[in-house]
Amino acid sequence: MSQSIIADASTIDVSWQKSSASGHNSDCVELAPYQDVIAVRDSKVPHGPAILYPRTGITALIAGIKAGEFGRFTHDR
């Protein structure tokens, strides 16, 4: 999957979304449609970088997660 980076994610005009499963803590990644790609950023660092991925790559990643291809993730700390 090819990628590009925007140094400051707050400089792009998008509506960031995070999973409803993330609850109220902000330890999460956020996604946003941006031009013809999907921007991904760390919710704890809104002025940090955003990585841009092709939509097909993000779609495949989400499908793999839903299919359990990556095992079960837990939030135990």
PDB file of N, CA and C in Angstrom:
ATOM      1  N   MET A   1       0.845  -1.169   0.000  1.00  0.00           N
ATOM      2  CA  MET A   1       0.000   0.000   0.000  1.00  0.00           C
ATOM      3  C   MET A   1       0.893   1.235   0.000  1.00  0.00           C
ATOM      4  N   SER A   2       0.739   2.096  -0.982  1.00  0.00           N
ATOM      5  CA  SER A   2       1.549   3.308  -1.012  1.00  0.00           C
ATOM      6  C   SER A   2       0.917   4.345  -0.083  1.00  0.00           C
ATOM      7  N   GLN A   3       1.736   5.290   0.352  1.00  0.00           N
ATOM      8  CA  GLN A   3       1.240   6.290   1.286  1.00  0.00           C
ATOM      9  C   GLN A   3       1.962   7.606   1.095  1.00  0.00           C
ATOM     10  N   SER A   4       1.352   8.672   1.550  1.00  0.00           N
ATOM     11  CA  SER A   4       1.937  10.000   1.595  1.00  0.00           C
ATOM     12  C   SER A   4       1.659  10.548   2.982  1.00  0.00           C
ATOM     13  N   ILE A   5       2.351  11.620   3.330  1.00  0.00           N
ATOM     14  CA  ILE A   5       2.177  12.187   4.667  1.00  0.00           C
ATOM     15  C   ILE A   5       1.935  13.692   4.566  1.00  0.00           C
ATOM     16  N   ILE A   6       1.005  14.182   5.375  1.00  0.00           N
ATOM     17  CA  ILE A   6       0.798  15.612   5.576  1.00  0.00           C
ATOM     18  C   ILE A   6       1.350  15.913   6.968  1.00  0.00           C
ATOM     19  N   ALA A   7       2.261  16.854   7.066  1.00  0.00           N
ATOM     20  CA  ALA A   7       2.971  17.112   8.322  1.00  0.00           C
ATOM     21  C   ALA A   7       2.045  17.542   9.459  1.00  0.00           C
ATOM     22  N   ASP A   8       1.027  18.353   9.181  1.00  0.00           N
ATOM     23  CA  ASP A   8       0.107  18.837  10.216  1.00  0.00           C
ATOM     24  C   ASP A   8      -1.317  18.526   9.781  1.00  0.00           C
ATOM     25  N   ALA A   9      -1.907  17.508  10.397  1.00  0.00           N
ATOM     26  CA  ALA A   9      -3.242  17.048  10.015  1.00  0.00           C
ATOM     27  C   ALA A   9      -4.310  18.115  10.203  1.00  0.00           C
ATOM     28  N   SER A  10      -4.062  19.087  11.076  1.00  0.00           N
ATOM     29  CA  SER A  10      -5.068  20.120  11.316  1.00  0.00           C
ATOM     30  C   SER A  10      -5.163  21.110  10.153  1.00  0.00           C
ATOM     31  N   THR A  11      -4.257  21.035   9.195  1.00  0.00           N
ATOM     32  CA  THR A  11      -4.274  21.975   8.074  1.00  0.00           C
ATOM     33  C   THR A  11      -5.195  21.538   6.938  1.00  0.00           C
ATOM     34  N   ILE A  12      -5.726  20.314   7.009  1.00  0.00           N
ATOM     35  CA  ILE A  12      -6.635  19.872   5.956  1.00  0.00           C
ATOM     36  C   ILE A  12      -8.078  19.973   6.444  1.00  0.00           C
ATOM     37  N   ASP A  13      -8.953  20.403   5.563  1.00  0.00           N
ATOM     38  CA  ASP A  13     -10.351  20.635   5.912  1.00  0.00           C
ATOM     39  C   ASP A  13     -11.149  19.355   5.700  1.00  0.00           C
ATOM     40  N   VAL A  14     -11.248  18.542   6.764  1.00  0.00           N
ATOM     41  CA  VAL A  14     -11.965  17.269   6.712  1.00  0.00           C
ATOM     42  C   VAL A  14     -12.735  17.081   8.009  1.00  0.00           C
ATOM     43  N   SER A  15     -13.646  16.121   8.009  1.00  0.00           N
ATOM     44  CA  SER A  15     -14.367  15.738   9.220  1.00  0.00           C
ATOM     45  C   SER A  15     -13.789  14.418   9.711  1.00  0.00           C
ATOM     46  N   TRP A  16     -13.004  14.482  10.775  1.00  0.00           N
ATOM     47  CA  TRP A  16     -12.362  13.287  11.320  1.00  0.00           C
ATOM     48  C   TRP A  16     -13.387  12.419  12.035  1.00  0.00           C
ATOM     49  N   GLN A  17     -13.244  11.107  11.900  1.00  0.00           N
ATOM     50  CA  GLN A  17     -14.139  10.159  12.566  1.00  0.00           C
ATOM     51  C   GLN A  17     -13.308   9.098  13.264  1.00  0.00           C
ATOM     52  N   LYS A  18     -13.779   8.676  14.434  1.00  0.00           N
ATOM     53  CA  LYS A  18     -13.137   7.549  15.105  1.00  0.00           C
ATOM     54  C   LYS A  18     -14.201   6.509  15.410  1.00  0.00           C
ATOM     55  N   SER A  19     -13.777   5.331  15.717  1.00  0.00           N
ATOM     56  CA  SER A  19     -14.696   4.235  15.971  1.00  0.00           C
ATOM     57  C   SER A  19     -15.579   4.537  17.168  1.00  0.00           C
ATOM     58  N   SER A  20     -16.843   4.150  17.067  1.00  0.00           N
ATOM     59  CA  SER A  20     -17.740   4.308  18.212  1.00  0.00           C
ATOM     60  C   SER A  20     -17.319   3.382  19.349  1.00  0.00           C
ATOM     61  N   ALA A  21     -16.526   2.361  19.046  1.00  0.00           N
ATOM     62  CA  ALA A  21     -16.040   1.438  20.077  1.00  0.00           C
ATOM     63  C   ALA A  21     -14.905   2.035  20.896  1.00  0.00           C
ATOM     64  N   SER A  22     -14.397   3.195  20.505  1.00  0.00           N
ATOM     65  CA  SER A  22     -13.277   3.779  21.234  1.00  0.00           C
ATOM     66  C   SER A  22     -13.698   4.419  22.548  1.00  0.00           C
ATOM     67  N   GLY A  23     -14.981   4.612  22.755  1.00  0.00           N
ATOM     68  CA  GLY A  23     -15.453   5.188  24.005  1.00  0.00           C
ATOM     69  C   GLY A  23     -15.042   6.638  24.152  1.00  0.00           C
ATOM     70  N   HIS A  24     -14.827   7.059  25.401  1.00  0.00           N
ATOM     71  CA  HIS A  24     -14.519   8.464  25.661  1.00  0.00           C
ATOM     72  C   HIS A  24     -13.025   8.753  25.731  1.00  0.00           C
ATOM     73  N   ASN A  25     -12.192   7.709  25.798  1.00  0.00           N
ATOM     74  CA  ASN A  25     -10.767   8.020  25.827  1.00  0.00           C
ATOM     75  C   ASN A  25     -10.323   8.424  24.436  1.00  0.00           C
ATOM     76  N   SER A  26      -9.240   9.145  24.354  1.00  0.00           N
ATOM     77  CA  SER A  26      -8.818   9.654  23.055  1.00  0.00           C
ATOM     78  C   SER A  26      -7.644   8.874  22.472  1.00  0.00           C
ATOM     79  N   ASP A  27      -7.387   7.681  22.987  1.00  0.00           N
ATOM     80  CA  ASP A  27      -6.304   6.852  22.461  1.00  0.00           C
ATOM     81  C   ASP A  27      -6.820   6.065  21.261  1.00  0.00           C
ATOM     82  N   CYS A  28      -6.859   6.715  20.131  1.00  0.00           N
ATOM     83  CA  CYS A  28      -7.510   6.123  18.976  1.00  0.00           C
ATOM     84  C   CYS A  28      -6.920   6.722  17.704  1.00  0.00           C
ATOM     85  N   VAL A  29      -7.132   6.049  16.606  1.00  0.00           N
ATOM     86  CA  VAL A  29      -6.830   6.662  15.314  1.00  0.00           C
ATOM     87  C   VAL A  29      -8.130   7.216  14.763  1.00  0.00           C
ATOM     88  N   GLU A  30      -8.003   8.232  13.946  1.00  0.00           N
ATOM     89  CA  GLU A  30      -9.155   8.831  13.303  1.00  0.00           C
ATOM     90  C   GLU A  30      -8.959   8.756  11.792  1.00  0.00           C
ATOM     91  N   LEU A  31     -10.061   8.607  11.081  1.00  0.00           N
ATOM     92  CA  LEU A  31     -10.037   8.523   9.624  1.00  0.00           C
ATOM     93  C   LEU A  31     -10.875   9.653   9.047  1.00  0.00           C
ATOM     94  N   ALA A  32     -10.490  10.088   7.842  1.00  0.00           N
ATOM     95  CA  ALA A  32     -11.280  11.104   7.144  1.00  0.00           C
ATOM     96  C   ALA A  32     -11.072  10.964   5.644  1.00  0.00           C
ATOM     97  N   PRO A  33     -12.157  11.048   4.875  1.00  0.00           N
ATOM     98  CA  PRO A  33     -11.978  11.096   3.426  1.00  0.00           C
ATOM     99  C   PRO A  33     -11.306  12.420   3.060  1.00  0.00           C
ATOM    100  N   TYR A  34     -10.326  12.356   2.195  1.00  0.00           N
ATOM    101  CA  TYR A  34      -9.597  13.556   1.775  1.00  0.00           C
ATOM    102  C   TYR A  34      -9.212  13.386   0.313  1.00  0.00           C
ATOM    103  N   GLN A  35      -9.754  14.236  -0.531  1.00  0.00           N
ATOM    104  CA  GLN A  35      -9.563  14.130  -1.976  1.00  0.00           C
ATOM    105  C   GLN A  35      -9.889  12.703  -2.420  1.00  0.00           C
ATOM    106  N   ASP A  36      -8.960  11.984  -3.023  1.00  0.00           N
ATOM    107  CA  ASP A  36      -9.259  10.623  -3.486  1.00  0.00           C
ATOM    108  C   ASP A  36      -8.615   9.558  -2.604  1.00  0.00           C
ATOM    109  N   VAL A  37      -8.257   9.931  -1.366  1.00  0.00           N
ATOM    110  CA  VAL A  37      -7.614   9.000  -0.432  1.00  0.00           C
ATOM    111  C   VAL A  37      -8.297   9.072   0.928  1.00  0.00           C
ATOM    112  N   ILE A  38      -7.782   8.294   1.883  1.00  0.00           N
ATOM    113  CA  ILE A  38      -8.252   8.348   3.275  1.00  0.00           C
ATOM    114  C   ILE A  38      -7.083   8.825   4.137  1.00  0.00           C
ATOM    115  N   ALA A  39      -7.330   9.864   4.931  1.00  0.00           N
ATOM    116  CA  ALA A  39      -6.322  10.373   5.857  1.00  0.00           C
ATOM    117  C   ALA A  39      -6.491   9.663   7.198  1.00  0.00           C
ATOM    118  N   VAL A  40      -5.370   9.334   7.834  1.00  0.00           N
ATOM    119  CA  VAL A  40      -5.367   8.655   9.131  1.00  0.00           C
ATOM    120  C   VAL A  40      -4.459   9.441  10.074  1.00  0.00           C
ATOM    121  N   ARG A  41      -4.952   9.738  11.280  1.00  0.00           N
ATOM    122  CA  ARG A  41      -4.132  10.459  12.260  1.00  0.00           C
ATOM    123  C   ARG A  41      -4.354   9.886  13.653  1.00  0.00           C
ATOM    124  N   ASP A  42      -3.452  10.216  14.560  1.00  0.00           N
ATOM    125  CA  ASP A  42      -3.559   9.856  15.974  1.00  0.00           C
ATOM    126  C   ASP A  42      -4.440  10.900  16.644  1.00  0.00           C
ATOM    127  N   SER A  43      -5.520  10.476  17.278  1.00  0.00           N
ATOM    128  CA  SER A  43      -6.454  11.426  17.879  1.00  0.00           C
ATOM    129  C   SER A  43      -5.842  12.248  19.010  1.00  0.00           C
ATOM    130  N   LYS A  44      -4.783  11.722  19.635  1.00  0.00           N
ATOM    131  CA  LYS A  44      -4.127  12.453  20.725  1.00  0.00           C
ATOM    132  C   LYS A  44      -3.262  13.598  20.207  1.00  0.00           C
ATOM    133  N   VAL A  45      -2.948  13.589  18.912  1.00  0.00           N
ATOM    134  CA  VAL A  45      -2.034  14.576  18.334  1.00  0.00           C
ATOM    135  C   VAL A  45      -2.679  15.194  17.081  1.00  0.00           C
ATOM    136  N   PRO A  46      -3.719  16.014  17.258  1.00  0.00           N
ATOM    137  CA  PRO A  46      -4.428  16.540  16.091  1.00  0.00           C
ATOM    138  C   PRO A  46      -3.578  17.432  15.183  1.00  0.00           C
ATOM    139  N   HIS A  47      -2.495  18.013  15.713  1.00  0.00           N
ATOM    140  CA  HIS A  47      -1.609  18.830  14.890  1.00  0.00           C
ATOM    141  C   HIS A  47      -0.419  18.018  14.378  1.00  0.00           C
ATOM    142  N   GLY A  48      -0.425  16.729  14.649  1.00  0.00           N
ATOM    143  CA  GLY A  48       0.634  15.849  14.163  1.00  0.00           C
ATOM    144  C   GLY A  48       0.364  15.426  12.733  1.00  0.00           C
ATOM    145  N   PRO A  49       1.126  14.474  12.251  1.00  0.00           N
ATOM    146  CA  PRO A  49       1.006  14.075  10.853  1.00  0.00           C
ATOM    147  C   PRO A  49      -0.254  13.262  10.563  1.00  0.00           C
ATOM    148  N   ALA A  50      -0.668  13.317   9.315  1.00  0.00           N
ATOM    149  CA  ALA A  50      -1.725  12.448   8.798  1.00  0.00           C
ATOM    150  C   ALA A  50      -1.091  11.628   7.678  1.00  0.00           C
ATOM    151  N   ILE A  51      -1.349  10.341   7.696  1.00  0.00           N
ATOM    152  CA  ILE A  51      -0.863   9.470   6.635  1.00  0.00           C
ATOM    153  C   ILE A  51      -2.023   9.249   5.671  1.00  0.00           C
ATOM    154  N   LEU A  52      -1.735   9.385   4.383  1.00  0.00           N
ATOM    155  CA  LEU A  52      -2.756   9.243   3.352  1.00  0.00           C
ATOM    156  C   LEU A  52      -2.628   7.885   2.685  1.00  0.00           C
ATOM    157  N   TYR A  53      -3.724   7.136   2.667  1.00  0.00           N
ATOM    158  CA  TYR A  53      -3.749   5.794   2.085  1.00  0.00           C
ATOM    159  C   TYR A  53      -4.794   5.724   0.978  1.00  0.00           C
ATOM    160  N   PRO A  54      -4.565   4.881  -0.015  1.00  0.00           N
ATOM    161  CA  PRO A  54      -5.603   4.672  -1.037  1.00  0.00           C
ATOM    162  C   PRO A  54      -6.863   4.087  -0.390  1.00  0.00           C
ATOM    163  N   ARG A  55      -8.010   4.466  -0.889  1.00  0.00           N
ATOM    164  CA  ARG A  55      -9.278   3.962  -0.350  1.00  0.00           C
ATOM    165  C   ARG A  55      -9.345   2.441  -0.406  1.00  0.00           C
ATOM    166  N   THR A  56      -8.815   1.852  -1.473  1.00  0.00           N
ATOM    167  CA  THR A  56      -8.864   0.390  -1.601  1.00  0.00           C
ATOM    168  C   THR A  56      -8.062  -0.285  -0.501  1.00  0.00           C
ATOM    169  N   GLY A  57      -6.966   0.313  -0.081  1.00  0.00           N
ATOM    170  CA  GLY A  57      -6.164  -0.251   1.000  1.00  0.00           C
ATOM    171  C   GLY A  57      -6.887  -0.205   2.332  1.00  0.00           C
ATOM    172  N   ILE A  58      -7.527   0.912   2.634  1.00  0.00           N
ATOM    173  CA  ILE A  58      -8.278   1.048   3.888  1.00  0.00           C
ATOM    174  C   ILE A  58      -9.479   0.108   3.881  1.00  0.00           C
ATOM    175  N   THR A  59     -10.161   0.013   2.743  1.00  0.00           N
ATOM    176  CA  THR A  59     -11.312  -0.894   2.629  1.00  0.00           C
ATOM    177  C   THR A  59     -10.881  -2.335   2.895  1.00  0.00           C
ATOM    178  N   ALA A  60      -9.748  -2.744   2.323  1.00  0.00           N
ATOM    179  CA  ALA A  60      -9.242  -4.106   2.541  1.00  0.00           C
ATOM    180  C   ALA A  60      -8.850  -4.317   4.004  1.00  0.00           C
ATOM    181  N   LEU A  61      -8.234  -3.322   4.629  1.00  0.00           N
ATOM    182  CA  LEU A  61      -7.852  -3.421   6.035  1.00  0.00           C
ATOM    183  C   LEU A  61      -9.085  -3.615   6.919  1.00  0.00           C
ATOM    184  N   ILE A  62     -10.109  -2.789   6.716  1.00  0.00           N
ATOM    185  CA  ILE A  62     -11.323  -2.892   7.528  1.00  0.00           C
ATOM    186  C   ILE A  62     -12.004  -4.235   7.307  1.00  0.00           C
ATOM    187  N   ALA A  63     -12.063  -4.700   6.076  1.00  0.00           N
ATOM    188  CA  ALA A  63     -12.663  -6.010   5.791  1.00  0.00           C
ATOM    189  C   ALA A  63     -11.890  -7.115   6.505  1.00  0.00           C
ATOM    190  N   GLY A  64     -10.565  -7.033   6.516  1.00  0.00           N
ATOM    191  CA  GLY A  64      -9.745  -8.026   7.204  1.00  0.00           C
ATOM    192  C   GLY A  64      -9.954  -8.014   8.702  1.00  0.00           C
ATOM    193  N   ILE A  65     -10.088  -6.829   9.279  1.00  0.00           N
ATOM    194  CA  ILE A  65     -10.348  -6.717  10.717  1.00  0.00           C
ATOM    195  C   ILE A  65     -11.694  -7.349  11.049  1.00  0.00           C
ATOM    196  N   LYS A  66     -12.720  -7.017  10.271  1.00  0.00           N
ATOM    197  CA  LYS A  66     -14.058  -7.575  10.516  1.00  0.00           C
ATOM    198  C   LYS A  66     -14.075  -9.090  10.350  1.00  0.00           C
ATOM    199  N   ALA A  67     -13.235  -9.604   9.453  1.00  0.00           N
ATOM    200  CA  ALA A  67     -13.187 -11.049   9.205  1.00  0.00           C
ATOM    201  C   ALA A  67     -12.325 -11.786  10.227  1.00  0.00           C
ATOM    202  N   GLY A  68     -11.682 -11.042  11.134  1.00  0.00           N
ATOM    203  CA  GLY A  68     -10.855 -11.659  12.159  1.00  0.00           C
ATOM    204  C   GLY A  68      -9.488 -12.097  11.672  1.00  0.00           C
ATOM    205  N   GLU A  69      -9.033 -11.552  10.552  1.00  0.00           N
ATOM    206  CA  GLU A  69      -7.745 -11.956   9.983  1.00  0.00           C
ATOM    207  C   GLU A  69      -6.542 -11.547  10.837  1.00  0.00           C
ATOM    208  N   PHE A  70      -6.735 -10.647  11.774  1.00  0.00           N
ATOM    209  CA  PHE A  70      -5.632 -10.160  12.587  1.00  0.00           C
ATOM    210  C   PHE A  70      -5.730 -10.631  14.033  1.00  0.00           C
ATOM    211  N   GLY A  71      -6.599 -11.581  14.305  1.00  0.00           N
ATOM    212  CA  GLY A  71      -6.783 -12.047  15.672  1.00  0.00           C
ATOM    213  C   GLY A  71      -7.648 -11.075  16.454  1.00  0.00           C
ATOM    214  N   ARG A  72      -7.728 -11.335  17.728  1.00  0.00           N
ATOM    215  CA  ARG A  72      -8.539 -10.490  18.599  1.00  0.00           C
ATOM    216  C   ARG A  72      -7.642  -9.459  19.267  1.00  0.00           C
ATOM    217  N   PHE A  73      -8.050  -8.195  19.183  1.00  0.00           N
ATOM    218  CA  PHE A  73      -7.321  -7.128  19.839  1.00  0.00           C
ATOM    219  C   PHE A  73      -7.975  -6.812  21.178  1.00  0.00           C
ATOM    220  N   THR A  74      -7.183  -6.542  22.180  1.00  0.00           N
ATOM    221  CA  THR A  74      -7.716  -6.151  23.472  1.00  0.00           C
ATOM    222  C   THR A  74      -7.113  -4.821  23.870  1.00  0.00           C
ATOM    223  N   HIS A  75      -7.750  -4.165  24.798  1.00  0.00           N
ATOM    224  CA  HIS A  75      -7.271  -2.871  25.291  1.00  0.00           C
ATOM    225  C   HIS A  75      -6.700  -3.007  26.693  1.00  0.00           C
ATOM    226  N   ASP A  76      -6.253  -4.197  27.063  1.00  0.00           N
ATOM    227  CA  ASP A  76      -5.689  -4.388  28.402  1.00  0.00           C
ATOM    228  C   ASP A  76      -4.405  -3.578  28.536  1.00  0.00           C
ATOM    229  N   ARG A  77      -4.262  -2.927  29.657  1.00  0.00           N
ATOM    230  CA  ARG A  77      -3.035  -2.130  29.895  1.00  0.00           C
ATOM    231  C   ARG A  77      -2.430  -2.550  31.203  1.00  0.00           C
TER     232      ARG A  77
END
